C-alpha cells in the first residue's frame, strides 16, 4: 500500500491525527495530497489552517471549492459558504453540503427536499454516513421519529 492509500485509510477510519502525521511532509503542489491535508485539518477542527490550504489551491477545481465551502461553514460563515456552493456544479456531495447548511440555518424542509435529490448509493464512506446522520437529524427536528430511527 502506497503512502497516499495509508493516509486515505486513516482518514476513512477517522484517525485524523495519524493522517496529519503522515501528511507532515506533504507536497503542497500535489492537489491530491492537499485535499487529504484539508480533510485531516478539518477533522482536527483546525479550520483556519484548512482554509489556508484551500486558498493556496483556489481555481484548481471543484474539489477545492467544496472544501473551502465546508471550511467557511465550519467557521460560521454560512452566507459565504452558501454563495460559494451555489456556484459549484450540483453534484451529490455539493447537495449534501447545501442540505447540511440548510438544516443548520433552520430550513429543515428545504434540507430534506435536497436530500431527496441525492442518490444515496452514489455516496461513499463518510459522505454516506453524513447523509444518513443528517437525514435522521432532520426527521427528528420534524418530530418524525419513526423515519428518524
Protein backbone atom coordinates (compact mmCIF):
# COMPACT_ATOMS: atom_id res chain seq x y z
CA UNK A 1 0.00 0.00 0.00
CA UNK A 2 1.48 3.35 -1.00
CA UNK A 3 1.64 6.37 1.30
CA UNK A 4 -1.49 8.08 -0.08
CA UNK A 5 -3.52 4.91 0.38
CA UNK A 6 -2.34 4.70 4.02
CA UNK A 7 -3.41 8.30 4.56
CA UNK A 8 -6.83 7.69 2.96
CA UNK A 9 -7.30 4.62 5.14
CA UNK A 10 -6.53 6.64 8.28
CA UNK A 11 -8.93 9.40 7.21
CA UNK A 12 -11.70 6.91 6.47
CA UNK A 13 -11.17 5.45 9.95
CA UNK A 14 -11.43 8.98 11.40
CA UNK A 15 -7.83 8.81 12.61
CA UNK A 16 -7.17 12.44 11.73
CA UNK A 17 -4.08 12.85 13.92
CA UNK A 18 -2.41 9.82 12.32
CA UNK A 19 -3.31 11.05 8.85
CA UNK A 20 -1.98 14.51 9.66
CA UNK A 21 1.28 12.99 10.92
CA UNK A 22 1.63 11.00 7.69
CA UNK A 23 0.98 14.22 5.77
CA UNK A 24 3.62 16.18 7.70
CA UNK A 25 5.88 16.28 4.67
CA UNK A 26 3.11 16.64 2.12
CA UNK A 27 3.85 18.28 -1.20
CA UNK A 28 1.87 21.48 -1.46
CA UNK A 29 1.98 21.29 -5.25
CA UNK A 30 0.24 17.92 -5.27
CA UNK A 31 -3.51 18.58 -5.45
CA UNK A 32 -4.50 15.16 -4.15
CA UNK A 33 -2.22 15.48 -1.12
CA UNK A 34 -3.53 18.98 -0.49
CA UNK A 35 -7.11 17.67 -0.46
CA UNK A 36 -6.10 14.96 2.01
CA UNK A 37 -4.39 17.58 4.18
CA UNK A 38 -7.52 19.75 4.16
CA UNK A 39 -9.66 16.80 5.18
CA UNK A 40 -7.29 15.92 8.05
CA UNK A 41 -7.19 19.52 9.26
CA UNK A 42 -10.99 19.81 9.16
CA UNK A 43 -11.22 16.56 11.13
CA UNK A 44 -8.94 18.09 13.75
CA UNK A 45 -11.09 21.26 13.87
CA UNK A 46 -8.18 23.31 12.51
CA UNK A 47 -10.44 25.13 10.09
CA UNK A 48 -8.28 28.23 9.61
CA UNK A 49 -5.32 26.08 8.56
CA UNK A 50 -7.54 24.04 6.25
CA UNK A 51 -8.85 27.27 4.73
CA UNK A 52 -5.30 28.45 4.10
CA UNK A 53 -4.53 25.29 2.11
CA UNK A 54 -7.81 25.73 0.18
CA UNK A 55 -6.90 29.28 -0.74
CA UNK A 56 -3.46 28.18 -1.92
CA UNK A 57 -5.28 25.98 -4.45
CA UNK A 58 -8.01 28.43 -5.42
CA UNK A 59 -9.14 27.98 -9.00
CA UNK A 60 -7.84 24.42 -9.17
CA UNK A 61 -11.21 22.74 -9.33
CA UNK A 62 -14.50 21.88 -7.75
CA UNK A 63 -13.00 19.67 -5.03
CA UNK A 64 -11.10 22.64 -3.59
CA UNK A 65 -14.15 24.90 -3.88
CA UNK A 66 -16.24 22.35 -2.00
CA UNK A 67 -13.60 22.02 0.72
CA UNK A 68 -13.40 25.81 1.01
CA UNK A 69 -17.19 25.99 1.38
CA UNK A 70 -17.03 23.33 4.12
CA UNK A 71 -14.38 25.39 5.92
CA UNK A 72 -16.48 28.54 5.64
CA UNK A 73 -19.47 26.63 7.00
CA UNK A 74 -17.42 25.27 9.91
CA UNK A 75 -16.16 28.78 10.67
CA UNK A 76 -19.76 30.04 10.87
CA UNK A 77 -19.57 31.98 7.62
CA UNK A 78 -22.80 30.44 6.33
CA UNK A 79 -23.67 33.16 3.80
CA UNK A 80 -20.25 32.93 2.18
CA UNK A 81 -20.41 29.14 2.19
CA UNK A 82 -23.85 29.16 0.54
CA UNK A 83 -22.76 31.68 -2.09
CA UNK A 84 -19.77 29.55 -3.00
CA UNK A 85 -21.75 26.29 -3.02
CA UNK A 86 -24.33 27.78 -5.35
CA UNK A 87 -21.60 28.44 -7.94
CA UNK A 88 -20.44 24.81 -7.96
CA UNK A 89 -21.93 22.10 -10.17
CA UNK A 90 -24.64 20.48 -8.01
CA UNK A 91 -23.11 17.04 -7.51
CA UNK A 92 -24.43 14.81 -4.74
CA UNK A 93 -21.59 15.95 -2.45
CA UNK A 94 -22.44 19.60 -3.08
CA UNK A 95 -26.15 18.94 -2.49
CA UNK A 96 -25.29 17.14 0.76
CA UNK A 97 -23.28 20.10 1.98
CA UNK A 98 -26.06 22.51 0.99
CA UNK A 99 -28.60 20.31 2.82
CA UNK A 100 -26.43 20.40 5.95
CA UNK A 101 -26.20 24.18 5.63
CA UNK A 102 -29.98 24.44 5.18
CA UNK A 103 -30.55 22.30 8.26
CA UNK A 104 -28.05 24.28 10.32
CA UNK A 105 -29.70 27.57 9.39
CA UNK A 106 -33.18 26.26 10.24
CA UNK A 107 -34.62 25.41 6.84
CA UNK A 108 -35.32 21.76 7.63
CA UNK A 109 -37.93 21.32 4.91
CA UNK A 110 -35.57 22.60 2.21
CA UNK A 111 -32.77 20.41 3.56
CA UNK A 112 -34.95 17.30 3.33
CA UNK A 113 -36.00 18.25 -0.19
CA UNK A 114 -32.34 18.48 -1.18
CA UNK A 115 -31.59 15.11 0.36
CA UNK A 116 -34.37 13.55 -1.72
CA UNK A 117 -32.45 14.54 -4.88
CA UNK A 118 -29.30 12.70 -3.78
CA UNK A 119 -28.55 9.15 -4.85
CA UNK A 120 -27.50 7.68 -1.51
CA UNK A 121 -25.93 4.64 -3.16
CA UNK A 122 -23.68 7.00 -5.14
CA UNK A 123 -22.11 8.34 -1.95
CA UNK A 124 -19.06 6.67 -0.48
CA UNK A 125 -17.87 6.13 3.07
CA UNK A 126 -18.07 9.25 5.17
CA UNK A 127 -20.37 11.07 2.75
CA UNK A 128 -22.87 8.24 3.02
CA UNK A 129 -22.59 8.33 6.81
CA UNK A 130 -23.09 12.11 6.78
CA UNK A 131 -26.16 11.64 4.57
CA UNK A 132 -27.78 9.11 6.92
CA UNK A 133 -26.98 11.11 10.07
CA UNK A 134 -28.22 14.37 8.56
CA UNK A 135 -31.41 12.74 7.34
CA UNK A 136 -32.06 11.26 10.80
CA UNK A 137 -31.40 14.63 12.47
CA UNK A 138 -33.70 16.46 10.09
CA UNK A 139 -36.52 13.94 10.57
CA UNK A 140 -36.16 14.27 14.33
CA UNK A 141 -36.49 18.06 14.05
CA UNK A 142 -39.77 17.47 12.25
CA UNK A 143 -40.74 15.01 15.02
CA UNK A 144 -40.92 12.13 12.54
CA UNK A 145 -39.29 9.74 14.96
CA UNK A 146 -40.02 6.52 13.05
CA UNK A 147 -38.39 7.93 9.93
CA UNK A 148 -35.54 9.25 12.05
CA UNK A 149 -34.87 5.83 13.56
